Amino acid sequence: MAVEAGAAAVVAAAAAPAGAVTAAAASAAGAAAAAAAAPVAAGAGLAVATFYVGKYFYKRFTWNNEAKEKEFKSQFVAHVTKKKQLIVGSASANCSKQVEQ
């Protein structure tokens, strides 16, 4: 089909005066380009979808109790670290106020 559309564009371009492009030739050439690009885009979309489906199933099957515990511990450590920094900051501010007095 893309070959037929391309051939129609060549015939239409040959029949037109030099330098003039007909609407039929332009639309046939555009259709040929779109038809040629469609399989590449569909293949790329399929590859991306396959990648994300595989990633989903990997995460789904490796998300066991051990992984949950490890994730909880890392979140807890991050939380405690932030709280500790807040306490240290306020304690040092209190200490500097007492030194000034």
PDB file of N, CA and C in Angstrom:
ATOM      1  N   MET A   1       0.816  -1.179   0.000  1.00  0.00           N
ATOM      2  CA  MET A   1       0.000   0.000   0.000  1.00  0.00           C
ATOM      3  C   MET A   1       0.863   1.247   0.000  1.00  0.00           C
ATOM      4  N   ALA A   2       1.945   1.246   0.786  1.00  0.00           N
ATOM      5  CA  ALA A   2       2.837   2.395   0.828  1.00  0.00           C
ATOM      6  C   ALA A   2       3.540   2.569  -0.513  1.00  0.00           C
ATOM      7  N   VAL A   3       3.848   1.450  -1.184  1.00  0.00           N
ATOM      8  CA  VAL A   3       4.498   1.517  -2.486  1.00  0.00           C
ATOM      9  C   VAL A   3       3.552   2.120  -3.509  1.00  0.00           C
ATOM     10  N   GLU A   4       2.276   1.712  -3.461  1.00  0.00           N
ATOM     11  CA  GLU A   4       1.286   2.257  -4.391  1.00  0.00           C
ATOM     12  C   GLU A   4       1.105   3.751  -4.179  1.00  0.00           C
ATOM     13  N   ALA A   5       1.060   4.199  -2.914  1.00  0.00           N
ATOM     14  CA  ALA A   5       0.900   5.623  -2.621  1.00  0.00           C
ATOM     15  C   ALA A   5       2.126   6.393  -3.082  1.00  0.00           C
ATOM     16  N   GLY A   6       3.301   5.826  -2.892  1.00  0.00           N
ATOM     17  CA  GLY A   6       4.530   6.475  -3.339  1.00  0.00           C
ATOM     18  C   GLY A   6       4.586   6.561  -4.850  1.00  0.00           C
ATOM     19  N   ALA A   7       4.141   5.503  -5.530  1.00  0.00           N
ATOM     20  CA  ALA A   7       4.122   5.509  -6.987  1.00  0.00           C
ATOM     21  C   ALA A   7       3.126   6.539  -7.507  1.00  0.00           C
ATOM     22  N   ALA A   8       1.990   6.668  -6.827  1.00  0.00           N
ATOM     23  CA  ALA A   8       1.001   7.671  -7.229  1.00  0.00           C
ATOM     24  C   ALA A   8       1.565   9.071  -7.071  1.00  0.00           C
ATOM     25  N   ALA A   9       2.369   9.293  -6.040  1.00  0.00           N
ATOM     26  CA  ALA A   9       2.978  10.605  -5.826  1.00  0.00           C
ATOM     27  C   ALA A   9       3.991  10.917  -6.921  1.00  0.00           C
ATOM     28  N   VAL A  10       4.747   9.906  -7.362  1.00  0.00           N
ATOM     29  CA  VAL A  10       5.733  10.100  -8.418  1.00  0.00           C
ATOM     30  C   VAL A  10       5.045  10.417  -9.737  1.00  0.00           C
ATOM     31  N   VAL A  11       3.974   9.696 -10.030  1.00  0.00           N
ATOM     32  CA  VAL A  11       3.230   9.922 -11.270  1.00  0.00           C
ATOM     33  C   VAL A  11       2.610  11.320 -11.248  1.00  0.00           C
ATOM     34  N   ALA A  12       2.026  11.716 -10.129  1.00  0.00           N
ATOM     35  CA  ALA A  12       1.400  13.030 -10.026  1.00  0.00           C
ATOM     36  C   ALA A  12       2.440  14.134 -10.136  1.00  0.00           C
ATOM     37  N   ALA A  13       3.621  13.925  -9.548  1.00  0.00           N
ATOM     38  CA  ALA A  13       4.681  14.934  -9.615  1.00  0.00           C
ATOM     39  C   ALA A  13       5.226  15.041 -11.037  1.00  0.00           C
ATOM     40  N   ALA A  14       5.306  13.924 -11.753  1.00  0.00           N
ATOM     41  CA  ALA A  14       5.819  13.940 -13.119  1.00  0.00           C
ATOM     42  C   ALA A  14       4.831  14.627 -14.061  1.00  0.00           C
ATOM     43  N   ALA A  15       3.548  14.501 -13.801  1.00  0.00           N
ATOM     44  CA  ALA A  15       2.537  15.086 -14.667  1.00  0.00           C
ATOM     45  C   ALA A  15       2.405  16.594 -14.450  1.00  0.00           C
ATOM     46  N   ALA A  16       2.807  17.091 -13.288  1.00  0.00           N
ATOM     47  CA  ALA A  16       2.675  18.515 -12.971  1.00  0.00           C
ATOM     48  C   ALA A  16       3.807  19.299 -13.624  1.00  0.00           C
ATOM     49  N   PRO A  17       3.587  20.602 -13.878  1.00  0.00           N
ATOM     50  CA  PRO A  17       4.657  21.434 -14.407  1.00  0.00           C
ATOM     51  C   PRO A  17       5.833  21.499 -13.435  1.00  0.00           C
ATOM     52  N   ALA A  18       6.999  21.850 -13.922  1.00  0.00           N
ATOM     53  CA  ALA A  18       8.197  21.893 -13.096  1.00  0.00           C
ATOM     54  C   ALA A  18       8.015  22.912 -11.976  1.00  0.00           C
ATOM     55  N   GLY A  19       8.337  22.519 -10.753  1.00  0.00           N
ATOM     56  CA  GLY A  19       8.246  23.419  -9.617  1.00  0.00           C
ATOM     57  C   GLY A  19       6.877  23.441  -8.958  1.00  0.00           C
ATOM     58  N   ALA A  20       5.856  22.887  -9.560  1.00  0.00           N
ATOM     59  CA  ALA A  20       4.511  22.900  -8.980  1.00  0.00           C
ATOM     60  C   ALA A  20       4.251  21.557  -8.318  1.00  0.00           C
ATOM     61  N   VAL A  21       3.656  21.600  -7.147  1.00  0.00           N
ATOM     62  CA  VAL A  21       3.296  20.377  -6.428  1.00  0.00           C
ATOM     63  C   VAL A  21       1.786  20.374  -6.281  1.00  0.00           C
ATOM     64  N   THR A  22       1.164  19.302  -6.714  1.00  0.00           N
ATOM     65  CA  THR A  22      -0.291  19.226  -6.627  1.00  0.00           C
ATOM     66  C   THR A  22      -0.701  18.735  -5.249  1.00  0.00           C
ATOM     67  N   ALA A  23      -1.927  18.991  -4.887  1.00  0.00           N
ATOM     68  CA  ALA A  23      -2.444  18.551  -3.589  1.00  0.00           C
ATOM     69  C   ALA A  23      -2.480  17.032  -3.514  1.00  0.00           C
ATOM     70  N   ALA A  24      -2.780  16.386  -4.638  1.00  0.00           N
ATOM     71  CA  ALA A  24      -2.829  14.926  -4.655  1.00  0.00           C
ATOM     72  C   ALA A  24      -1.443  14.340  -4.413  1.00  0.00           C
ATOM     73  N   ALA A  25      -0.424  14.948  -5.016  1.00  0.00           N
ATOM     74  CA  ALA A  25       0.936  14.452  -4.830  1.00  0.00           C
ATOM     75  C   ALA A  25       1.383  14.643  -3.390  1.00  0.00           C
ATOM     76  N   ALA A  26       1.047  15.795  -2.816  1.00  0.00           N
ATOM     77  CA  ALA A  26       1.445  16.062  -1.438  1.00  0.00           C
ATOM     78  C   ALA A  26       0.744  15.122  -0.474  1.00  0.00           C
ATOM     79  N   SER A  27      -0.551  14.882  -0.678  1.00  0.00           N
ATOM     80  CA  SER A  27      -1.279  13.997   0.223  1.00  0.00           C
ATOM     81  C   SER A  27      -0.835  12.550   0.040  1.00  0.00           C
ATOM     82  N   ALA A  28      -0.512  12.153  -1.170  1.00  0.00           N
ATOM     83  CA  ALA A  28      -0.046  10.781  -1.407  1.00  0.00           C
ATOM     84  C   ALA A  28       1.324  10.581  -0.766  1.00  0.00           C
ATOM     85  N   ALA A  29       2.189  11.583  -0.884  1.00  0.00           N
ATOM     86  CA  ALA A  29       3.512  11.465  -0.281  1.00  0.00           C
ATOM     87  C   ALA A  29       3.398  11.436   1.248  1.00  0.00           C
ATOM     88  N   GLY A  30       2.489  12.254   1.794  1.00  0.00           N
ATOM     89  CA  GLY A  30       2.281  12.256   3.246  1.00  0.00           C
ATOM     90  C   GLY A  30       1.728  10.940   3.730  1.00  0.00           C
ATOM     91  N   ALA A  31       0.814  10.353   2.967  1.00  0.00           N
ATOM     92  CA  ALA A  31       0.242   9.067   3.333  1.00  0.00           C
ATOM     93  C   ALA A  31       1.299   7.972   3.286  1.00  0.00           C
ATOM     94  N   ALA A  32       2.181   8.040   2.292  1.00  0.00           N
ATOM     95  CA  ALA A  32       3.237   7.036   2.184  1.00  0.00           C
ATOM     96  C   ALA A  32       4.202   7.152   3.352  1.00  0.00           C
ATOM     97  N   ALA A  33       4.538   8.378   3.727  1.00  0.00           N
ATOM     98  CA  ALA A  33       5.446   8.573   4.850  1.00  0.00           C
ATOM     99  C   ALA A  33       4.804   8.108   6.157  1.00  0.00           C
ATOM    100  N   ALA A  34       3.526   8.407   6.338  1.00  0.00           N
ATOM    101  CA  ALA A  34       2.826   7.990   7.549  1.00  0.00           C
ATOM    102  C   ALA A  34       2.711   6.469   7.612  1.00  0.00           C
ATOM    103  N   ALA A  35       2.434   5.840   6.476  1.00  0.00           N
ATOM    104  CA  ALA A  35       2.313   4.385   6.453  1.00  0.00           C
ATOM    105  C   ALA A  35       3.657   3.720   6.728  1.00  0.00           C
ATOM    106  N   ALA A  36       4.726   4.326   6.248  1.00  0.00           N
ATOM    107  CA  ALA A  36       6.048   3.750   6.477  1.00  0.00           C
ATOM    108  C   ALA A  36       6.473   3.927   7.928  1.00  0.00           C
ATOM    109  N   ALA A  37       6.081   5.027   8.573  1.00  0.00           N
ATOM    110  CA  ALA A  37       6.489   5.298   9.949  1.00  0.00           C
ATOM    111  C   ALA A  37       5.627   4.562  10.961  1.00  0.00           C
ATOM    112  N   ALA A  38       4.425   4.172  10.605  1.00  0.00           N
ATOM    113  CA  ALA A  38       3.505   3.543  11.546  1.00  0.00           C
ATOM    114  C   ALA A  38       4.048   2.249  12.144  1.00  0.00           C
ATOM    115  N   PRO A  39       4.620   1.328  11.364  1.00  0.00           N
ATOM    116  CA  PRO A  39       5.123   0.099  11.982  1.00  0.00           C
ATOM    117  C   PRO A  39       6.270   0.356  12.954  1.00  0.00           C
ATOM    118  N   VAL A  40       7.103   1.350  12.669  1.00  0.00           N
ATOM    119  CA  VAL A  40       8.214   1.654  13.564  1.00  0.00           C
ATOM    120  C   VAL A  40       7.675   2.171  14.888  1.00  0.00           C
ATOM    121  N   ALA A  41       6.695   3.084  14.835  1.00  0.00           N
ATOM    122  CA  ALA A  41       6.122   3.633  16.052  1.00  0.00           C
ATOM    123  C   ALA A  41       5.405   2.548  16.852  1.00  0.00           C
ATOM    124  N   ALA A  42       4.694   1.663  16.185  1.00  0.00           N
ATOM    125  CA  ALA A  42       3.986   0.595  16.882  1.00  0.00           C
ATOM    126  C   ALA A  42       4.975  -0.358  17.538  1.00  0.00           C
ATOM    127  N   GLY A  43       6.071  -0.654  16.870  1.00  0.00           N
ATOM    128  CA  GLY A  43       7.087  -1.526  17.442  1.00  0.00           C
ATOM    129  C   GLY A  43       7.755  -0.905  18.647  1.00  0.00           C
ATOM    130  N   ALA A  44       8.012   0.408  18.577  1.00  0.00           N
ATOM    131  CA  ALA A  44       8.628   1.097  19.701  1.00  0.00           C
ATOM    132  C   ALA A  44       7.672   1.128  20.886  1.00  0.00           C
ATOM    133  N   GLY A  45       6.392   1.371  20.624  1.00  0.00           N
ATOM    134  CA  GLY A  45       5.402   1.379  21.700  1.00  0.00           C
ATOM    135  C   GLY A  45       5.276   0.016  22.354  1.00  0.00           C
ATOM    136  N   LEU A  46       5.349  -1.015  21.554  1.00  0.00           N
ATOM    137  CA  LEU A  46       5.267  -2.372  22.078  1.00  0.00           C
ATOM    138  C   LEU A  46       6.472  -2.682  22.959  1.00  0.00           C
ATOM    139  N   ALA A  47       7.649  -2.228  22.546  1.00  0.00           N
ATOM    140  CA  ALA A  47       8.849  -2.467  23.338  1.00  0.00           C
ATOM    141  C   ALA A  47       8.773  -1.747  24.678  1.00  0.00           C
ATOM    142  N   VAL A  48       8.289  -0.529  24.669  1.00  0.00           N
ATOM    143  CA  VAL A  48       8.163   0.237  25.906  1.00  0.00           C
ATOM    144  C   VAL A  48       7.136  -0.410  26.824  1.00  0.00           C
ATOM    145  N   ALA A  49       6.017  -0.824  26.264  1.00  0.00           N
ATOM    146  CA  ALA A  49       4.976  -1.484  27.064  1.00  0.00           C
ATOM    147  C   ALA A  49       5.501  -2.785  27.655  1.00  0.00           C
ATOM    148  N   THR A  50       6.232  -3.551  26.875  1.00  0.00           N
ATOM    149  CA  THR A  50       6.802  -4.809  27.354  1.00  0.00           C
ATOM    150  C   THR A  50       7.773  -4.556  28.505  1.00  0.00           C
ATOM    151  N   PHE A  51       8.583  -3.510  28.375  1.00  0.00           N
ATOM    152  CA  PHE A  51       9.536  -3.157  29.428  1.00  0.00           C
ATOM    153  C   PHE A  51       8.813  -2.854  30.743  1.00  0.00           C
ATOM    154  N   TYR A  52       7.776  -2.014  30.678  1.00  0.00           N
ATOM    155  CA  TYR A  52       7.074  -1.629  31.903  1.00  0.00           C
ATOM    156  C   TYR A  52       6.262  -2.780  32.496  1.00  0.00           C
ATOM    157  N   VAL A  53       5.717  -3.634  31.667  1.00  0.00           N
ATOM    158  CA  VAL A  53       5.008  -4.809  32.183  1.00  0.00           C
ATOM    159  C   VAL A  53       5.993  -5.732  32.896  1.00  0.00           C
ATOM    160  N   GLY A  54       7.142  -5.936  32.297  1.00  0.00           N
ATOM    161  CA  GLY A  54       8.164  -6.762  32.943  1.00  0.00           C
ATOM    162  C   GLY A  54       8.627  -6.163  34.259  1.00  0.00           C
ATOM    163  N   LYS A  55       8.810  -4.857  34.276  1.00  0.00           N
ATOM    164  CA  LYS A  55       9.229  -4.177  35.504  1.00  0.00           C
ATOM    165  C   LYS A  55       8.159  -4.310  36.581  1.00  0.00           C
ATOM    166  N   TYR A  56       6.892  -4.186  36.194  1.00  0.00           N
ATOM    167  CA  TYR A  56       5.787  -4.337  37.150  1.00  0.00           C
ATOM    168  C   TYR A  56       5.803  -5.729  37.783  1.00  0.00           C
ATOM    169  N   PHE A  57       5.903  -6.764  36.947  1.00  0.00           N
ATOM    170  CA  PHE A  57       5.868  -8.121  37.483  1.00  0.00           C
ATOM    171  C   PHE A  57       7.091  -8.418  38.335  1.00  0.00           C
ATOM    172  N   TYR A  58       8.258  -7.872  37.973  1.00  0.00           N
ATOM    173  CA  TYR A  58       9.441  -8.060  38.805  1.00  0.00           C
ATOM    174  C   TYR A  58       9.209  -7.464  40.190  1.00  0.00           C
ATOM    175  N   LYS A  59       8.709  -6.219  40.234  1.00  0.00           N
ATOM    176  CA  LYS A  59       8.441  -5.576  41.525  1.00  0.00           C
ATOM    177  C   LYS A  59       7.362  -6.334  42.297  1.00  0.00           C
ATOM    178  N   ARG A  60       6.354  -6.788  41.590  1.00  0.00           N
ATOM    179  CA  ARG A  60       5.222  -7.472  42.229  1.00  0.00           C
ATOM    180  C   ARG A  60       5.670  -8.768  42.898  1.00  0.00           C
ATOM    181  N   PHE A  61       6.525  -9.519  42.231  1.00  0.00           N
ATOM    182  CA  PHE A  61       6.932 -10.809  42.781  1.00  0.00           C
ATOM    183  C   PHE A  61       8.070 -10.710  43.778  1.00  0.00           C
ATOM    184  N   THR A  62       8.819  -9.597  43.789  1.00  0.00           N
ATOM    185  CA  THR A  62       9.904  -9.443  44.764  1.00  0.00           C
ATOM    186  C   THR A  62       9.473  -8.647  45.981  1.00  0.00           C
ATOM    187  N   TRP A  63       8.230  -8.176  46.007  1.00  0.00           N
ATOM    188  CA  TRP A  63       7.743  -7.386  47.133  1.00  0.00           C
ATOM    189  C   TRP A  63       7.210  -8.326  48.210  1.00  0.00           C
ATOM    190  N   ASN A  64       8.121  -8.970  48.929  1.00  0.00           N
ATOM    191  CA  ASN A  64       7.743  -9.900  49.986  1.00  0.00           C
ATOM    192  C   ASN A  64       7.943  -9.218  51.341  1.00  0.00           C
ATOM    193  N   ASN A  65       7.775  -9.956  52.422  1.00  0.00           N
ATOM    194  CA  ASN A  65       7.887  -9.371  53.763  1.00  0.00           C
ATOM    195  C   ASN A  65       9.285  -8.834  54.046  1.00  0.00           C
ATOM    196  N   GLU A  66      10.289  -9.507  53.546  1.00  0.00           N
ATOM    197  CA  GLU A  66      11.663  -9.046  53.763  1.00  0.00           C
ATOM    198  C   GLU A  66      11.890  -7.688  53.081  1.00  0.00           C
ATOM    199  N   ALA A  67      11.393  -7.542  51.873  1.00  0.00           N
ATOM    200  CA  ALA A  67      11.531  -6.271  51.164  1.00  0.00           C
ATOM    201  C   ALA A  67      10.734  -5.165  51.849  1.00  0.00           C
ATOM    202  N   LYS A  68       9.558  -5.508  52.343  1.00  0.00           N
ATOM    203  CA  LYS A  68       8.741  -4.523  53.068  1.00  0.00           C
ATOM    204  C   LYS A  68       9.456  -4.059  54.330  1.00  0.00           C
ATOM    205  N   GLU A  69      10.070  -5.007  55.047  1.00  0.00           N
ATOM    206  CA  GLU A  69      10.791  -4.666  56.273  1.00  0.00           C
ATOM    207  C   GLU A  69      11.992  -3.776  55.972  1.00  0.00           C
ATOM    208  N   LYS A  70      12.706  -4.095  54.920  1.00  0.00           N
ATOM    209  CA  LYS A  70      13.860  -3.289  54.535  1.00  0.00           C
ATOM    210  C   LYS A  70      13.442  -1.863  54.161  1.00  0.00           C
ATOM    211  N   GLU A  71      12.350  -1.738  53.425  1.00  0.00           N
ATOM    212  CA  GLU A  71      11.836  -0.419  53.035  1.00  0.00           C
ATOM    213  C   GLU A  71      11.383   0.369  54.259  1.00  0.00           C
ATOM    214  N   PHE A  72      10.711  -0.298  55.197  1.00  0.00           N
ATOM    215  CA  PHE A  72      10.257   0.369  56.416  1.00  0.00           C
ATOM    216  C   PHE A  72      11.445   0.879  57.224  1.00  0.00           C
ATOM    217  N   LYS A  73      12.485   0.061  57.336  1.00  0.00           N
ATOM    218  CA  LYS A  73      13.666   0.480  58.095  1.00  0.00           C
ATOM    219  C   LYS A  73      14.337   1.690  57.470  1.00  0.00           C
ATOM    220  N   SER A  74      14.438   1.701  56.148  1.00  0.00           N
ATOM    221  CA  SER A  74      15.083   2.857  55.503  1.00  0.00           C
ATOM    222  C   SER A  74      14.230   4.118  55.672  1.00  0.00           C
ATOM    223  N   GLN A  75      12.900   3.982  55.614  1.00  0.00           N
ATOM    224  CA  GLN A  75      12.033   5.135  55.846  1.00  0.00           C
ATOM    225  C   GLN A  75      12.145   5.616  57.298  1.00  0.00           C
ATOM    226  N   PHE A  76      12.234   4.683  58.228  1.00  0.00           N
ATOM    227  CA  PHE A  76      12.347   5.039  59.639  1.00  0.00           C
ATOM    228  C   PHE A  76      13.663   5.763  59.916  1.00  0.00           C
ATOM    229  N   VAL A  77      14.743   5.288  59.334  1.00  0.00           N
ATOM    230  CA  VAL A  77      16.045   5.939  59.516  1.00  0.00           C
ATOM    231  C   VAL A  77      16.014   7.358  58.961  1.00  0.00           C
ATOM    232  N   ALA A  78      15.403   7.549  57.801  1.00  0.00           N
ATOM    233  CA  ALA A  78      15.302   8.895  57.227  1.00  0.00           C
ATOM    234  C   ALA A  78      14.475   9.811  58.127  1.00  0.00           C
ATOM    235  N   HIS A  79      13.389   9.292  58.679  1.00  0.00           N
ATOM    236  CA  HIS A  79      12.528  10.077  59.570  1.00  0.00           C
ATOM    237  C   HIS A  79      13.279  10.466  60.848  1.00  0.00           C
ATOM    238  N   VAL A  80      13.953   9.513  61.469  1.00  0.00           N
ATOM    239  CA  VAL A  80      14.681   9.782  62.720  1.00  0.00           C
ATOM    240  C   VAL A  80      15.816  10.772  62.471  1.00  0.00           C
ATOM    241  N   THR A  81      16.475  10.670  61.332  1.00  0.00           N
ATOM    242  CA  THR A  81      17.559  11.597  61.004  1.00  0.00           C
ATOM    243  C   THR A  81      17.046  13.029  60.898  1.00  0.00           C
ATOM    244  N   LYS A  82      15.910  13.224  60.251  1.00  0.00           N
ATOM    245  CA  LYS A  82      15.324  14.569  60.144  1.00  0.00           C
ATOM    246  C   LYS A  82      14.941  15.112  61.515  1.00  0.00           C
ATOM    247  N   LYS A  83      14.326  14.272  62.333  1.00  0.00           N
ATOM    248  CA  LYS A  83      13.926  14.712  63.672  1.00  0.00           C
ATOM    249  C   LYS A  83      15.149  15.058  64.521  1.00  0.00           C
ATOM    250  N   LYS A  84      16.194  14.266  64.402  1.00  0.00           N
ATOM    251  CA  LYS A  84      17.420  14.519  65.170  1.00  0.00           C
ATOM    252  C   LYS A  84      18.033  15.858  64.765  1.00  0.00           C
ATOM    253  N   GLN A  85      18.031  16.154  63.478  1.00  0.00           N
ATOM    254  CA  GLN A  85      18.575  17.428  63.016  1.00  0.00           C
ATOM    255  C   GLN A  85      17.760  18.603  63.552  1.00  0.00           C
ATOM    256  N   LEU A  86      16.428  18.447  63.638  1.00  0.00           N
ATOM    257  CA  LEU A  86      15.591  19.504  64.206  1.00  0.00           C
ATOM    258  C   LEU A  86      15.912  19.725  65.684  1.00  0.00           C
ATOM    259  N   ILE A  87      16.089  18.639  66.421  1.00  0.00           N
ATOM    260  CA  ILE A  87      16.386  18.742  67.854  1.00  0.00           C
ATOM    261  C   ILE A  87      17.751  19.384  68.065  1.00  0.00           C
ATOM    262  N   VAL A  88      18.737  18.965  67.300  1.00  0.00           N
ATOM    263  CA  VAL A  88      20.079  19.529  67.430  1.00  0.00           C
ATOM    264  C   VAL A  88      20.067  21.022  67.113  1.00  0.00           C
ATOM    265  N   GLY A  89      19.311  21.396  66.098  1.00  0.00           N
ATOM    266  CA  GLY A  89      19.223  22.811  65.734  1.00  0.00           C
ATOM    267  C   GLY A  89      18.601  23.651  66.827  1.00  0.00           C
ATOM    268  N   SER A  90      17.516  23.169  67.412  1.00  0.00           N
ATOM    269  CA  SER A  90      16.865  23.944  68.479  1.00  0.00           C
ATOM    270  C   SER A  90      17.712  23.952  69.752  1.00  0.00           C
ATOM    271  N   ALA A  91      18.395  22.846  70.048  1.00  0.00           N
ATOM    272  CA  ALA A  91      19.256  22.796  71.233  1.00  0.00           C
ATOM    273  C   ALA A  91      20.436  23.754  71.090  1.00  0.00           C
ATOM    274  N   SER A  92      21.017  23.824  69.910  1.00  0.00           N
ATOM    275  CA  SER A  92      22.141  24.749  69.724  1.00  0.00           C
ATOM    276  C   SER A  92      21.677  26.197  69.770  1.00  0.00           C
ATOM    277  N   ALA A  93      20.462  26.459  69.299  1.00  0.00           N
ATOM    278  CA  ALA A  93      19.919  27.818  69.377  1.00  0.00           C
ATOM    279  C   ALA A  93      19.697  28.205  70.840  1.00  0.00           C
ATOM    280  N   ASN A  94      19.166  27.282  71.654  1.00  0.00           N
ATOM    281  CA  ASN A  94      18.968  27.541  73.088  1.00  0.00           C
ATOM    282  C   ASN A  94      20.305  27.768  73.782  1.00  0.00           C
ATOM    283  N   CYS A  95      21.272  26.983  73.433  1.00  0.00           N
ATOM    284  CA  CYS A  95      22.592  27.095  74.049  1.00  0.00           C
ATOM    285  C   CYS A  95      23.216  28.454  73.731  1.00  0.00           C
ATOM    286  N   SER A  96      23.117  28.890  72.479  1.00  0.00           N
ATOM    287  CA  SER A  96      23.699  30.181  72.112  1.00  0.00           C
ATOM    288  C   SER A  96      22.967  31.328  72.811  1.00  0.00           C
ATOM    289  N   LYS A  97      21.647  31.214  73.022  1.00  0.00           N
ATOM    290  CA  LYS A  97      20.908  32.238  73.754  1.00  0.00           C
ATOM    291  C   LYS A  97      21.386  32.321  75.210  1.00  0.00           C
ATOM    292  N   GLN A  98      21.615  31.151  75.807  1.00  0.00           N
ATOM    293  CA  GLN A  98      22.079  31.135  77.191  1.00  0.00           C
ATOM    294  C   GLN A  98      23.483  31.733  77.307  1.00  0.00           C
ATOM    295  N   VAL A  99      24.337  31.510  76.332  1.00  0.00           N
ATOM    296  CA  VAL A  99      25.682  32.048  76.357  1.00  0.00           C
ATOM    297  C   VAL A  99      25.626  33.574  76.241  1.00  0.00           C
ATOM    298  N   GLU A 100      24.716  34.090  75.425  1.00  0.00           N
ATOM    299  CA  GLU A 100      24.592  35.540  75.262  1.00  0.00           C
ATOM    300  C   GLU A 100      24.133  36.195  76.552  1.00  0.00           C
ATOM    301  N   GLN A 101      23.293  35.526  77.309  1.00  0.00           N
ATOM    302  CA  GLN A 101      22.776  36.114  78.560  1.00  0.00           C
ATOM    303  C   GLN A 101      23.859  36.056  79.602  1.00  0.00           C
TER     304      GLN A 101
END
